[in-house]
Amino acid sequence: MEEKMTYERAMKRIEEIVKQIENGEMDIDSLTANLKEAKELVTFCKDKLTKVETEVKKCLDL
């Protein structure tokens, strides 16, 4: 069963990918796939932050 993606899990995976790239641990064959995954995770995180910001503003406006 696939676990639901969370902001924390997405950020951890992004950090792992960046670390592998910076340390030269990622081979050229998996680079494109990992960069695509990182891009999708960044989009997920940005969307999550935007949603939370909107909800917080609504709560503060009450």
Protein backbone atom coordinates (compact mmCIF):
# COMPACT_ATOMS: atom_id res chain seq x y z
CA MET A 1 0.00 0.00 0.00
CA GLU A 2 1.40 3.37 -1.02
CA GLU A 3 1.77 5.82 1.84
CA LYS A 4 0.36 9.32 1.49
CA MET A 5 3.02 11.88 0.60
CA THR A 6 3.68 14.45 3.30
CA TYR A 7 5.61 17.70 3.17
CA GLU A 8 8.25 16.28 5.50
CA ARG A 9 8.68 13.11 3.44
CA ALA A 10 8.93 15.11 0.21
CA MET A 11 11.55 17.47 1.67
CA LYS A 12 13.59 14.54 2.96
CA ARG A 13 13.58 12.93 -0.49
CA ILE A 14 14.58 16.21 -2.16
CA GLU A 15 17.47 16.53 0.30
CA GLU A 16 18.56 12.95 -0.47
CA ILE A 17 18.58 13.61 -4.21
CA VAL A 18 20.53 16.86 -3.81
CA LYS A 19 23.06 15.18 -1.52
CA GLN A 20 23.61 12.35 -4.01
CA ILE A 21 24.15 14.82 -6.84
CA GLU A 22 26.51 17.02 -4.81
CA ASN A 23 28.55 14.01 -3.66
CA GLY A 24 28.75 12.52 -7.14
CA GLU A 25 26.89 9.43 -5.94
CA MET A 26 24.28 9.49 -8.71
CA ASP A 27 25.08 7.84 -11.98
CA ILE A 28 24.23 9.53 -15.26
CA ASP A 29 21.61 6.89 -16.07
CA SER A 30 19.43 7.81 -13.09
CA LEU A 31 20.11 11.56 -13.08
CA THR A 32 17.20 12.53 -15.35
CA ALA A 33 14.67 10.39 -13.48
CA ASN A 34 15.81 11.74 -10.13
CA LEU A 35 15.72 15.34 -11.32
CA LYS A 36 12.18 14.79 -12.60
CA GLU A 37 11.19 13.31 -9.24
CA ALA A 38 12.78 16.25 -7.40
CA LYS A 39 10.92 18.73 -9.61
CA GLU A 40 7.60 17.01 -8.87
CA LEU A 41 8.38 17.00 -5.14
CA VAL A 42 9.28 20.71 -5.18
CA THR A 43 5.96 21.45 -6.90
CA PHE A 44 4.14 19.35 -4.29
CA CYS A 45 5.86 21.26 -1.45
CA LYS A 46 5.13 24.66 -2.98
CA ASP A 47 1.47 23.75 -3.43
CA LYS A 48 1.26 22.46 0.13
CA LEU A 49 2.82 25.65 1.53
CA THR A 50 0.46 27.82 -0.51
CA LYS A 51 -2.55 25.86 0.75
CA VAL A 52 -1.42 26.09 4.37
CA GLU A 53 -0.73 29.82 4.02
CA THR A 54 -4.25 30.36 2.68
CA GLU A 55 -5.78 28.35 5.51
CA VAL A 56 -3.75 30.21 8.15
CA LYS A 57 -4.83 33.56 6.71
CA LYS A 58 -8.47 32.44 6.84
CA CYS A 59 -8.07 31.41 10.48
CA LEU A 60 -6.44 34.71 11.40
CA ASP A 61 -9.15 36.71 9.69
CA LEU A 62 -11.88 35.23 11.90
